[in-house]
N, C-alpha and C. Protein backbone atom coordinates (compact mmCIF):
# COMPACT_ATOMS: atom_id res chain seq x y z
N MET A 1 -15.37 -18.83 5.57
CA MET A 1 -14.29 -17.86 5.64
C MET A 1 -14.86 -16.51 6.09
N THR A 2 -14.24 -15.90 7.07
CA THR A 2 -14.68 -14.62 7.59
C THR A 2 -14.16 -13.50 6.71
N ALA A 3 -15.02 -12.54 6.45
CA ALA A 3 -14.60 -11.39 5.64
C ALA A 3 -13.60 -10.55 6.44
N ILE A 4 -12.57 -10.13 5.75
CA ILE A 4 -11.55 -9.27 6.36
C ILE A 4 -11.96 -7.83 6.11
N PRO A 5 -11.94 -6.98 7.14
CA PRO A 5 -12.30 -5.58 6.93
C PRO A 5 -11.45 -4.94 5.83
N THR A 6 -12.10 -4.08 5.05
CA THR A 6 -11.45 -3.45 3.91
C THR A 6 -10.14 -2.78 4.29
N PHE A 7 -10.16 -1.99 5.34
CA PHE A 7 -8.93 -1.28 5.72
C PHE A 7 -7.82 -2.26 6.07
N ALA A 8 -8.15 -3.37 6.70
CA ALA A 8 -7.13 -4.36 7.06
C ALA A 8 -6.50 -4.97 5.81
N VAL A 9 -7.32 -5.25 4.80
CA VAL A 9 -6.80 -5.79 3.55
C VAL A 9 -5.84 -4.80 2.92
N TYR A 10 -6.28 -3.55 2.82
CA TYR A 10 -5.44 -2.53 2.19
C TYR A 10 -4.19 -2.22 3.01
N ALA A 11 -4.30 -2.21 4.31
CA ALA A 11 -3.13 -1.95 5.16
C ALA A 11 -2.10 -3.08 5.02
N ALA A 12 -2.57 -4.32 5.01
CA ALA A 12 -1.65 -5.45 4.84
C ALA A 12 -1.02 -5.43 3.46
N ALA A 13 -1.82 -5.10 2.44
CA ALA A 13 -1.29 -5.02 1.07
C ALA A 13 -0.23 -3.92 0.98
N ALA A 14 -0.49 -2.79 1.62
CA ALA A 14 0.47 -1.68 1.58
C ALA A 14 1.78 -2.08 2.26
N LEU A 15 1.68 -2.72 3.42
CA LEU A 15 2.90 -3.16 4.10
C LEU A 15 3.69 -4.12 3.23
N ALA A 16 3.00 -5.06 2.60
CA ALA A 16 3.68 -6.03 1.75
C ALA A 16 4.33 -5.36 0.54
N GLU A 17 3.59 -4.44 -0.09
CA GLU A 17 4.15 -3.78 -1.28
C GLU A 17 5.35 -2.89 -0.92
N ILE A 18 5.20 -2.12 0.13
CA ILE A 18 6.29 -1.22 0.53
C ILE A 18 7.51 -2.02 0.95
N ALA A 19 7.32 -3.09 1.71
CA ALA A 19 8.45 -3.92 2.13
C ALA A 19 9.14 -4.56 0.93
N GLY A 20 8.34 -5.06 -0.02
CA GLY A 20 8.92 -5.67 -1.22
C GLY A 20 9.69 -4.67 -2.05
N CYS A 21 9.12 -3.51 -2.25
CA CYS A 21 9.82 -2.48 -3.02
C CYS A 21 11.04 -1.96 -2.28
N PHE A 22 10.95 -1.85 -0.96
CA PHE A 22 12.10 -1.39 -0.19
C PHE A 22 13.25 -2.39 -0.27
N ALA A 23 12.93 -3.67 -0.36
CA ALA A 23 13.99 -4.68 -0.50
C ALA A 23 14.79 -4.43 -1.77
N VAL A 24 14.11 -4.12 -2.86
CA VAL A 24 14.80 -3.80 -4.11
C VAL A 24 15.58 -2.49 -3.95
N TRP A 25 14.97 -1.50 -3.32
CA TRP A 25 15.63 -0.21 -3.07
C TRP A 25 16.91 -0.43 -2.26
N ALA A 26 16.81 -1.23 -1.21
CA ALA A 26 17.97 -1.49 -0.35
C ALA A 26 19.09 -2.15 -1.15
N TRP A 27 18.74 -3.09 -2.01
CA TRP A 27 19.75 -3.77 -2.83
C TRP A 27 20.39 -2.81 -3.83
N MET A 28 19.55 -2.06 -4.54
CA MET A 28 20.07 -1.21 -5.62
C MET A 28 20.65 0.12 -5.14
N ARG A 29 20.07 0.69 -4.08
CA ARG A 29 20.47 2.04 -3.68
C ARG A 29 21.28 2.10 -2.40
N LEU A 30 21.12 1.09 -1.56
CA LEU A 30 21.80 1.12 -0.26
C LEU A 30 22.92 0.11 -0.15
N GLY A 31 23.14 -0.69 -1.21
CA GLY A 31 24.22 -1.66 -1.21
C GLY A 31 23.95 -2.92 -0.41
N ALA A 32 22.68 -3.21 -0.13
CA ALA A 32 22.35 -4.43 0.61
C ALA A 32 22.59 -5.65 -0.28
N SER A 33 22.70 -6.79 0.35
CA SER A 33 22.92 -8.05 -0.36
C SER A 33 21.74 -8.35 -1.31
N ALA A 34 22.04 -9.03 -2.40
CA ALA A 34 20.99 -9.46 -3.33
C ALA A 34 20.03 -10.44 -2.65
N LEU A 35 20.42 -11.00 -1.53
CA LEU A 35 19.52 -11.88 -0.79
C LEU A 35 18.27 -11.15 -0.31
N TRP A 36 18.34 -9.83 -0.23
CA TRP A 36 17.16 -9.02 0.13
C TRP A 36 16.04 -9.21 -0.89
N LEU A 37 16.40 -9.61 -2.12
CA LEU A 37 15.40 -9.75 -3.16
C LEU A 37 14.46 -10.92 -2.92
N LEU A 38 14.91 -11.96 -2.23
CA LEU A 38 14.06 -13.13 -1.98
C LEU A 38 12.85 -12.78 -1.11
N PRO A 39 13.04 -12.21 0.07
CA PRO A 39 11.85 -11.82 0.84
C PRO A 39 11.08 -10.69 0.15
N GLY A 40 11.79 -9.86 -0.61
CA GLY A 40 11.12 -8.80 -1.34
C GLY A 40 10.14 -9.36 -2.36
N LEU A 41 10.56 -10.38 -3.09
CA LEU A 41 9.67 -11.00 -4.07
C LEU A 41 8.49 -11.70 -3.40
N MET A 42 8.74 -12.32 -2.26
CA MET A 42 7.64 -12.96 -1.53
C MET A 42 6.65 -11.91 -1.03
N ALA A 43 7.17 -10.78 -0.57
CA ALA A 43 6.29 -9.71 -0.10
C ALA A 43 5.45 -9.16 -1.25
N LEU A 44 6.05 -9.00 -2.43
CA LEU A 44 5.30 -8.49 -3.58
C LEU A 44 4.24 -9.49 -4.04
N ALA A 45 4.53 -10.78 -3.94
CA ALA A 45 3.52 -11.79 -4.27
C ALA A 45 2.37 -11.72 -3.27
N ALA A 46 2.69 -11.54 -1.99
CA ALA A 46 1.65 -11.41 -0.96
C ALA A 46 0.80 -10.18 -1.22
N PHE A 47 1.45 -9.10 -1.62
CA PHE A 47 0.73 -7.87 -1.96
C PHE A 47 -0.32 -8.13 -3.05
N ALA A 48 0.09 -8.78 -4.12
CA ALA A 48 -0.83 -9.05 -5.22
C ALA A 48 -2.00 -9.93 -4.76
N TRP A 49 -1.71 -10.94 -3.97
CA TRP A 49 -2.76 -11.82 -3.44
C TRP A 49 -3.72 -11.04 -2.54
N LEU A 50 -3.17 -10.19 -1.67
CA LEU A 50 -4.01 -9.44 -0.75
C LEU A 50 -4.99 -8.52 -1.49
N LEU A 51 -4.54 -7.93 -2.58
CA LEU A 51 -5.45 -7.05 -3.32
C LEU A 51 -6.64 -7.82 -3.90
N THR A 52 -6.49 -9.12 -4.12
CA THR A 52 -7.63 -9.89 -4.62
C THR A 52 -8.72 -10.03 -3.56
N LEU A 53 -8.40 -9.74 -2.32
CA LEU A 53 -9.37 -9.82 -1.23
C LEU A 53 -10.17 -8.53 -1.06
N ALA A 54 -9.83 -7.50 -1.80
CA ALA A 54 -10.52 -6.21 -1.70
C ALA A 54 -11.98 -6.37 -2.12
N PRO A 55 -12.89 -5.73 -1.39
CA PRO A 55 -14.32 -5.89 -1.67
C PRO A 55 -14.79 -5.02 -2.85
N SER A 56 -14.40 -5.38 -4.02
CA SER A 56 -14.80 -4.66 -5.22
C SER A 56 -15.03 -5.68 -6.34
N ASP A 57 -16.00 -5.39 -7.17
CA ASP A 57 -16.28 -6.29 -8.29
C ASP A 57 -15.32 -6.06 -9.46
N PHE A 58 -14.57 -4.96 -9.41
CA PHE A 58 -13.68 -4.61 -10.51
C PHE A 58 -12.28 -4.33 -9.99
N ALA A 59 -11.29 -4.94 -10.62
CA ALA A 59 -9.90 -4.79 -10.18
C ALA A 59 -9.46 -3.33 -10.22
N GLY A 60 -9.78 -2.63 -11.30
CA GLY A 60 -9.35 -1.24 -11.43
C GLY A 60 -9.84 -0.36 -10.30
N ARG A 61 -11.07 -0.56 -9.88
CA ARG A 61 -11.62 0.23 -8.77
C ARG A 61 -10.93 -0.14 -7.46
N ALA A 62 -10.69 -1.42 -7.24
CA ALA A 62 -10.00 -1.86 -6.03
C ALA A 62 -8.59 -1.28 -5.99
N PHE A 63 -7.90 -1.30 -7.14
CA PHE A 63 -6.53 -0.79 -7.19
C PHE A 63 -6.51 0.72 -6.99
N ALA A 64 -7.48 1.43 -7.58
CA ALA A 64 -7.53 2.89 -7.43
C ALA A 64 -7.77 3.28 -5.98
N ALA A 65 -8.70 2.60 -5.33
CA ALA A 65 -8.98 2.89 -3.92
C ALA A 65 -7.77 2.57 -3.06
N TYR A 66 -7.08 1.49 -3.38
CA TYR A 66 -5.89 1.10 -2.63
C TYR A 66 -4.81 2.18 -2.70
N GLY A 67 -4.74 2.89 -3.82
CA GLY A 67 -3.71 3.90 -4.01
C GLY A 67 -3.65 4.92 -2.88
N GLY A 68 -4.79 5.35 -2.40
CA GLY A 68 -4.81 6.32 -1.30
C GLY A 68 -4.24 5.75 -0.02
N VAL A 69 -4.58 4.50 0.26
CA VAL A 69 -4.04 3.84 1.46
C VAL A 69 -2.53 3.65 1.32
N TYR A 70 -2.09 3.30 0.11
CA TYR A 70 -0.66 3.12 -0.14
C TYR A 70 0.12 4.42 0.14
N ILE A 71 -0.42 5.53 -0.30
CA ILE A 71 0.26 6.81 -0.09
C ILE A 71 0.40 7.10 1.41
N GLY A 72 -0.69 6.95 2.15
CA GLY A 72 -0.61 7.17 3.59
C GLY A 72 0.35 6.20 4.27
N SER A 73 0.31 4.95 3.85
CA SER A 73 1.20 3.94 4.43
C SER A 73 2.66 4.22 4.10
N SER A 74 2.91 4.75 2.92
CA SER A 74 4.28 5.09 2.54
C SER A 74 4.85 6.19 3.44
N LEU A 75 4.00 7.12 3.83
CA LEU A 75 4.47 8.18 4.73
C LEU A 75 4.70 7.65 6.13
N ILE A 76 3.91 6.68 6.56
CA ILE A 76 4.18 6.03 7.85
C ILE A 76 5.51 5.30 7.78
N TRP A 77 5.78 4.60 6.68
CA TRP A 77 7.07 3.92 6.48
C TRP A 77 8.21 4.94 6.52
N LEU A 78 8.02 6.05 5.82
CA LEU A 78 9.03 7.11 5.79
C LEU A 78 9.43 7.51 7.21
N TRP A 79 8.43 7.66 8.06
CA TRP A 79 8.67 8.10 9.43
C TRP A 79 9.20 6.96 10.30
N ALA A 80 8.53 5.81 10.28
CA ALA A 80 8.86 4.72 11.20
C ALA A 80 10.15 3.99 10.84
N ILE A 81 10.38 3.77 9.56
CA ILE A 81 11.52 2.95 9.14
C ILE A 81 12.71 3.80 8.72
N GLU A 82 12.41 4.88 7.98
CA GLU A 82 13.51 5.70 7.47
C GLU A 82 13.85 6.90 8.34
N GLY A 83 13.07 7.13 9.38
CA GLY A 83 13.37 8.18 10.34
C GLY A 83 13.18 9.60 9.84
N GLN A 84 12.43 9.78 8.76
CA GLN A 84 12.16 11.11 8.21
C GLN A 84 10.69 11.45 8.46
N ARG A 85 10.46 12.46 9.26
CA ARG A 85 9.09 12.82 9.60
C ARG A 85 8.42 13.53 8.41
N PRO A 86 7.22 13.07 8.02
CA PRO A 86 6.49 13.74 6.94
C PRO A 86 6.15 15.18 7.34
N ASP A 87 6.21 16.08 6.37
CA ASP A 87 5.86 17.47 6.67
C ASP A 87 4.38 17.70 6.42
N SER A 88 3.93 18.93 6.62
CA SER A 88 2.51 19.23 6.49
C SER A 88 2.01 19.04 5.06
N TRP A 89 2.86 19.27 4.08
CA TRP A 89 2.47 19.04 2.69
C TRP A 89 2.26 17.55 2.42
N ASP A 90 3.15 16.74 2.97
CA ASP A 90 2.99 15.28 2.84
C ASP A 90 1.65 14.84 3.44
N MET A 91 1.38 15.33 4.63
CA MET A 91 0.17 14.90 5.35
C MET A 91 -1.10 15.40 4.65
N THR A 92 -1.07 16.62 4.16
CA THR A 92 -2.23 17.16 3.45
C THR A 92 -2.50 16.36 2.18
N GLY A 93 -1.45 16.08 1.42
CA GLY A 93 -1.61 15.29 0.20
C GLY A 93 -2.13 13.90 0.49
N ALA A 94 -1.61 13.27 1.54
CA ALA A 94 -2.07 11.93 1.90
C ALA A 94 -3.53 11.94 2.32
N LEU A 95 -3.93 12.95 3.07
CA LEU A 95 -5.33 13.05 3.51
C LEU A 95 -6.27 13.17 2.31
N LEU A 96 -5.89 14.00 1.36
CA LEU A 96 -6.70 14.15 0.15
C LEU A 96 -6.82 12.82 -0.61
N CYS A 97 -5.72 12.10 -0.68
CA CYS A 97 -5.73 10.81 -1.38
C CYS A 97 -6.58 9.78 -0.67
N VAL A 98 -6.51 9.73 0.65
CA VAL A 98 -7.31 8.76 1.42
C VAL A 98 -8.80 9.10 1.29
N ILE A 99 -9.14 10.38 1.31
CA ILE A 99 -10.53 10.78 1.09
C ILE A 99 -10.98 10.34 -0.30
N GLY A 100 -10.15 10.58 -1.29
CA GLY A 100 -10.48 10.15 -2.66
C GLY A 100 -10.64 8.65 -2.76
N ALA A 101 -9.77 7.91 -2.10
CA ALA A 101 -9.87 6.45 -2.12
C ALA A 101 -11.19 5.99 -1.51
N GLY A 102 -11.59 6.63 -0.42
CA GLY A 102 -12.87 6.29 0.21
C GLY A 102 -14.04 6.55 -0.70
N ILE A 103 -13.99 7.66 -1.43
CA ILE A 103 -15.06 7.97 -2.38
C ILE A 103 -15.12 6.90 -3.47
N ILE A 104 -13.97 6.54 -4.01
CA ILE A 104 -13.92 5.53 -5.07
C ILE A 104 -14.48 4.20 -4.58
N LEU A 105 -14.10 3.79 -3.38
CA LEU A 105 -14.47 2.46 -2.90
C LEU A 105 -15.91 2.38 -2.40
N PHE A 106 -16.36 3.41 -1.69
CA PHE A 106 -17.64 3.29 -0.98
C PHE A 106 -18.81 4.04 -1.63
N ALA A 107 -18.56 4.80 -2.67
CA ALA A 107 -19.65 5.51 -3.33
C ALA A 107 -20.56 4.52 -4.05
N PRO A 108 -21.84 4.85 -4.16
CA PRO A 108 -22.74 3.95 -4.92
C PRO A 108 -22.47 4.12 -6.42
N HIS A 109 -21.96 3.09 -7.03
CA HIS A 109 -21.61 3.13 -8.46
C HIS A 109 -22.74 2.57 -9.29
N VAL A 110 -22.94 3.18 -10.45
CA VAL A 110 -23.96 2.71 -11.38
C VAL A 110 -23.34 1.60 -12.23
N ALA A 111 -24.05 0.51 -12.35
CA ALA A 111 -23.52 -0.64 -13.09
C ALA A 111 -23.47 -0.40 -14.57
């Protein structure tokens, strides 16, 4: 099995999580059919599976590092799917989070 690059794992996990959560949002807040919940649940299951592929020996560290990627991905979703362009505060906050995620994931940790 070929190793999947870290960013690809986190990007796919973010897409799956955001899509799954948006399905619930669409049903509850936008009046979409409850049928939206079926692909939403499948997307959330895929999200959980994808996070197990993260290159970390500890789940908490993998999840913490993923958080920064999730924030950036959520702003891309905001712009691409919801048509709302992120402002400079959104972008600054996301940049700080992605930097923090990189530190958490790639720093040399003491066992």
